[in-house]
Amino acid sequence: MKKVRVWDLPIRLFHWTLVALVAMAVITQEIGGNAMEWHFRAGYAVLTLVAFRVLWGLVGTRYARFSSFAYGPYAILAYVRNSRQGRKDGLLGHNPLGSLSVFALLANLLAQAISGLYSNDDIANDGPLVKFIGKELSDQITWFHKEVSGTLLYVLVGLHAAAIVFYAIRKKQNLVRPMVTGDQPVEFDAPAANDSWAMRLFALAILAMCAAGVYYVVTLSPRPLV
């Protein structure tokens, strides 16, 4: 067995920071009241991270790019069939089923974060963009944010956790350790991800740009009528 650097530091920090922020958003939403201020802040941070992940999926390191795990239906079916037959896949990074989970979670988090900008709690807290739409539309978006996108988030996170447990018990594969260390043990030769400090600084610049963009959106003010 040899170790190959698969997950660069920016991806690992993204992953675990996102976990903490989603937990924070859920907890503060359940508490309500003054905690909702932190719920919104967690949402802004999630939007920043998801925007970063989308861009990093286009220009980032080898295994972080969407092109490395954008599988078609035939590849997914073949992976499932080979898994049932006990064959080793020889894949690094996200496998075909894992890729579905990644894309679904990113899309759901993006929908959740954006809808949160237009949501309200019917008490004292409004999303920063509620002022651009009417109360009726904001109520509809709030329903989507809570009942549709919010419920789907619980389902996707549950499936993600169940997959980690399944791979640990049935396939004896630890999916958590590589996302901590960045390295994945393999039995074949494979190119490593470019986890250099130059790429890390590049990722930091992209993150800063995303944070600036979210800040701009959050602080928008309606134009005064002339």
Protein backbone atom coordinates (compact mmCIF):
# COMPACT_ATOMS: atom_id res chain seq x y z
CA MET A 1 0.00 0.00 0.00
CA LYS A 2 1.15 3.52 -0.75
CA LYS A 3 -0.33 6.88 0.18
CA VAL A 4 -1.37 9.43 -2.43
CA ARG A 5 -2.32 13.03 -1.65
CA VAL A 6 -5.90 13.27 -2.87
CA TRP A 7 -7.58 16.03 -0.86
CA ASP A 8 -5.76 19.34 -0.78
CA LEU A 9 -5.80 21.50 2.35
CA PRO A 10 -8.41 23.96 0.98
CA ILE A 11 -10.85 21.10 0.32
CA ARG A 12 -10.31 19.64 3.78
CA LEU A 13 -10.81 23.00 5.49
CA PHE A 14 -13.88 23.61 3.33
CA HIS A 15 -15.37 20.27 4.30
CA TRP A 16 -14.96 20.50 8.07
CA THR A 17 -15.82 24.21 8.26
CA LEU A 18 -18.99 23.49 6.30
CA VAL A 19 -19.91 20.72 8.74
CA ALA A 20 -19.50 23.13 11.67
CA LEU A 21 -21.48 25.90 9.96
CA VAL A 22 -24.39 23.64 9.03
CA ALA A 23 -24.53 22.38 12.62
CA MET A 24 -24.46 25.98 13.84
CA ALA A 25 -27.27 26.95 11.47
CA VAL A 26 -29.45 24.05 12.62
CA ILE A 27 -28.83 24.68 16.33
CA THR A 28 -29.43 28.43 16.17
CA GLN A 29 -32.61 27.89 14.14
CA GLU A 30 -33.92 25.53 16.80
CA ILE A 31 -33.07 28.01 19.57
CA GLY A 32 -34.66 30.93 17.73
CA GLY A 33 -34.92 34.43 19.21
CA ASN A 34 -31.64 36.31 19.33
CA ALA A 35 -29.81 33.21 18.10
CA MET A 36 -31.35 33.79 14.67
CA GLU A 37 -28.80 36.53 14.10
CA TRP A 38 -26.12 33.83 14.18
CA HIS A 39 -28.29 31.61 12.02
CA PHE A 40 -28.14 34.22 9.29
CA ARG A 41 -24.41 34.68 9.74
CA ALA A 42 -23.87 30.95 9.41
CA GLY A 43 -25.93 31.08 6.22
CA TYR A 44 -23.76 33.84 4.78
CA ALA A 45 -20.65 31.80 5.56
CA VAL A 46 -22.17 28.68 3.99
CA LEU A 47 -22.96 30.65 0.83
CA THR A 48 -19.37 31.88 0.73
CA LEU A 49 -18.01 28.35 1.09
CA VAL A 50 -20.33 26.85 -1.51
CA ALA A 51 -19.41 29.60 -3.98
CA PHE A 52 -15.74 28.83 -3.30
CA ARG A 53 -16.31 25.10 -3.82
CA VAL A 54 -18.00 25.70 -7.15
CA LEU A 55 -15.07 27.77 -8.38
CA TRP A 56 -12.53 25.35 -6.90
CA GLY A 57 -14.35 22.57 -8.72
CA LEU A 58 -13.47 24.36 -11.95
CA VAL A 59 -9.92 25.58 -11.34
CA GLY A 60 -8.74 23.65 -8.29
CA THR A 61 -6.51 20.62 -7.86
CA ARG A 62 -6.85 17.32 -9.73
CA TYR A 63 -9.34 15.48 -7.51
CA ALA A 64 -11.22 18.60 -6.42
CA ARG A 65 -12.29 19.39 -9.98
CA PHE A 66 -15.80 18.37 -10.97
CA SER A 67 -14.42 16.90 -14.17
CA SER A 68 -12.64 14.22 -12.11
CA PHE A 69 -15.88 12.85 -10.67
CA ALA A 70 -18.61 13.84 -13.13
CA TYR A 71 -19.79 10.32 -13.98
CA GLY A 72 -22.52 9.40 -16.42
CA PRO A 73 -25.33 6.90 -15.73
CA TYR A 74 -23.46 3.98 -17.35
CA ALA A 75 -20.40 4.55 -15.19
CA ILE A 76 -22.56 4.71 -12.07
CA LEU A 77 -24.37 1.47 -12.96
CA ALA A 78 -21.07 -0.24 -13.71
CA TYR A 79 -19.67 0.87 -10.36
CA VAL A 80 -22.71 -0.49 -8.52
CA ARG A 81 -22.49 -3.79 -10.41
CA ASN A 82 -18.77 -4.17 -9.72
CA SER A 83 -19.30 -3.33 -6.05
CA ARG A 84 -21.90 -6.07 -5.73
CA GLN A 85 -19.47 -8.52 -7.29
CA GLY A 86 -16.76 -7.51 -4.85
CA ARG A 87 -14.44 -5.99 -7.45
CA LYS A 88 -12.09 -3.20 -6.50
CA ASP A 89 -12.78 0.01 -8.36
CA GLY A 90 -9.27 1.49 -8.50
CA LEU A 91 -10.65 5.00 -8.11
CA LEU A 92 -9.26 7.94 -6.21
CA GLY A 93 -11.37 10.74 -4.81
CA HIS A 94 -15.14 10.56 -5.08
CA ASN A 95 -16.54 7.34 -6.53
CA PRO A 96 -19.58 7.50 -8.86
CA LEU A 97 -22.10 7.18 -6.01
CA GLY A 98 -20.18 9.63 -3.85
CA SER A 99 -20.18 12.13 -6.69
CA LEU A 100 -23.98 12.11 -6.71
CA SER A 101 -23.95 12.92 -3.00
CA VAL A 102 -21.50 15.79 -3.52
CA PHE A 103 -23.46 17.41 -6.33
CA ALA A 104 -26.78 16.97 -4.50
CA LEU A 105 -25.43 18.48 -1.27
CA LEU A 106 -23.83 21.44 -3.04
CA ALA A 107 -27.01 22.18 -4.99
CA ASN A 108 -29.14 21.86 -1.87
CA LEU A 109 -26.86 24.06 0.25
CA LEU A 110 -26.81 26.67 -2.49
CA ALA A 111 -30.61 26.67 -2.65
CA GLN A 112 -30.82 26.78 1.15
CA ALA A 113 -28.39 29.68 1.49
CA ILE A 114 -29.90 31.77 -1.32
CA SER A 115 -33.48 31.23 -0.16
CA GLY A 116 -32.38 32.22 3.34
CA LEU A 117 -31.46 35.65 2.02
CA TYR A 118 -35.14 36.21 1.24
CA SER A 119 -36.63 34.48 4.29
CA ASN A 120 -38.16 35.82 7.50
CA ASP A 121 -39.16 34.36 10.86
CA ASP A 122 -42.39 36.37 11.22
CA ILE A 123 -41.02 37.98 14.38
CA ALA A 124 -38.05 40.31 14.16
CA ASN A 125 -35.56 38.73 11.80
CA ASP A 126 -35.55 39.14 8.03
CA GLY A 127 -33.05 38.03 5.45
CA PRO A 128 -30.99 40.88 3.96
CA LEU A 129 -32.83 40.73 0.63
CA VAL A 130 -36.39 40.62 1.97
CA LYS A 131 -36.55 44.38 1.48
CA PHE A 132 -36.45 43.83 -2.28
CA ILE A 133 -39.56 41.64 -2.41
CA GLY A 134 -43.03 41.65 -0.86
CA LYS A 135 -43.99 39.90 2.35
CA GLU A 136 -46.13 37.37 0.53
CA LEU A 137 -43.28 36.23 -1.70
CA SER A 138 -40.91 36.20 1.26
CA ASP A 139 -43.32 33.91 3.14
CA GLN A 140 -43.38 31.52 0.18
CA ILE A 141 -39.59 31.44 -0.02
CA THR A 142 -39.44 30.94 3.75
CA TRP A 143 -41.72 27.90 3.39
CA PHE A 144 -39.38 26.50 0.72
CA HIS A 145 -36.35 27.26 2.90
CA LYS A 146 -37.78 25.42 5.91
CA GLU A 147 -40.03 22.69 4.56
CA VAL A 148 -38.51 21.74 1.21
CA SER A 149 -34.82 22.61 1.06
CA GLY A 150 -34.38 22.30 4.82
CA THR A 151 -35.97 18.85 4.97
CA LEU A 152 -33.96 17.68 1.97
CA LEU A 153 -30.79 18.81 3.71
CA TYR A 154 -31.51 16.48 6.65
CA VAL A 155 -32.12 13.62 4.21
CA LEU A 156 -28.91 14.21 2.26
CA VAL A 157 -26.78 14.59 5.38
CA GLY A 158 -28.32 11.40 6.77
CA LEU A 159 -27.54 9.48 3.58
CA HIS A 160 -24.01 10.88 3.60
CA ALA A 161 -23.44 9.71 7.17
CA ALA A 162 -25.01 6.31 6.43
CA ALA A 163 -22.66 5.84 3.48
CA ILE A 164 -19.65 6.55 5.69
CA VAL A 165 -20.83 3.91 8.18
CA PHE A 166 -21.60 1.42 5.38
CA TYR A 167 -18.14 1.75 3.86
CA ALA A 168 -16.51 1.42 7.27
CA ILE A 169 -18.42 -1.74 8.23
CA ARG A 170 -18.99 -3.56 4.95
CA LYS A 171 -16.02 -2.48 2.84
CA LYS A 172 -13.54 -1.75 5.62
CA GLN A 173 -12.82 1.65 4.08
CA ASN A 174 -12.33 4.68 6.27
CA LEU A 175 -13.72 7.64 4.30
CA VAL A 176 -13.15 10.11 7.12
CA ARG A 177 -9.39 9.75 7.58
CA PRO A 178 -8.44 10.88 4.04
CA MET A 179 -10.54 14.01 4.54
CA VAL A 180 -8.44 14.72 7.65
CA THR A 181 -4.96 13.78 6.46
CA GLY A 182 -5.50 14.40 2.75
CA ASP A 183 -3.91 11.05 1.85
CA GLN A 184 -5.61 7.94 0.54
CA PRO A 185 -3.96 4.49 0.72
CA VAL A 186 -3.89 2.73 -2.67
CA GLU A 187 -2.38 -0.38 -4.23
CA PHE A 188 -1.59 1.23 -7.58
CA ASP A 189 0.35 4.15 -8.98
CA ALA A 190 -1.61 7.37 -9.23
CA PRO A 191 -0.78 11.08 -9.60
CA ALA A 192 -1.05 13.18 -6.47
CA ALA A 193 -3.01 16.39 -6.12
CA ASN A 194 -0.97 19.59 -6.20
CA ASP A 195 -1.28 20.60 -2.55
CA SER A 196 1.47 23.19 -2.73
CA TRP A 197 1.45 26.49 -0.87
CA ALA A 198 1.03 28.27 -4.18
CA MET A 199 -2.26 26.44 -4.76
CA ARG A 200 -3.30 27.09 -1.16
CA LEU A 201 -2.73 30.82 -1.59
CA PHE A 202 -4.66 30.66 -4.86
CA ALA A 203 -7.55 29.04 -2.99
CA LEU A 204 -7.36 31.73 -0.31
CA ALA A 205 -7.64 34.42 -2.98
CA ILE A 206 -10.72 32.71 -4.44
CA LEU A 207 -12.27 32.43 -0.97
CA ALA A 208 -11.65 36.12 -0.31
CA MET A 209 -13.30 36.99 -3.61
CA CYS A 210 -16.34 34.87 -2.73
CA ALA A 211 -16.55 36.44 0.73
CA ALA A 212 -16.44 39.92 -0.82
CA GLY A 213 -19.19 38.97 -3.24
CA VAL A 214 -21.45 37.64 -0.49
CA TYR A 215 -20.79 40.72 1.64
CA TYR A 216 -21.77 42.93 -1.28
CA VAL A 217 -25.04 41.04 -1.77
CA VAL A 218 -25.87 41.00 1.94
CA THR A 219 -25.31 44.75 2.33
CA LEU A 220 -27.27 45.81 -0.75
CA SER A 221 -29.74 48.63 -0.22
CA PRO A 222 -32.77 49.49 -2.35
CA ARG A 223 -32.22 52.41 -4.68
CA PRO A 224 -34.15 55.50 -3.61
CA LEU A 225 -37.02 56.51 -5.84
CA VAL A 226 -36.29 59.69 -7.82
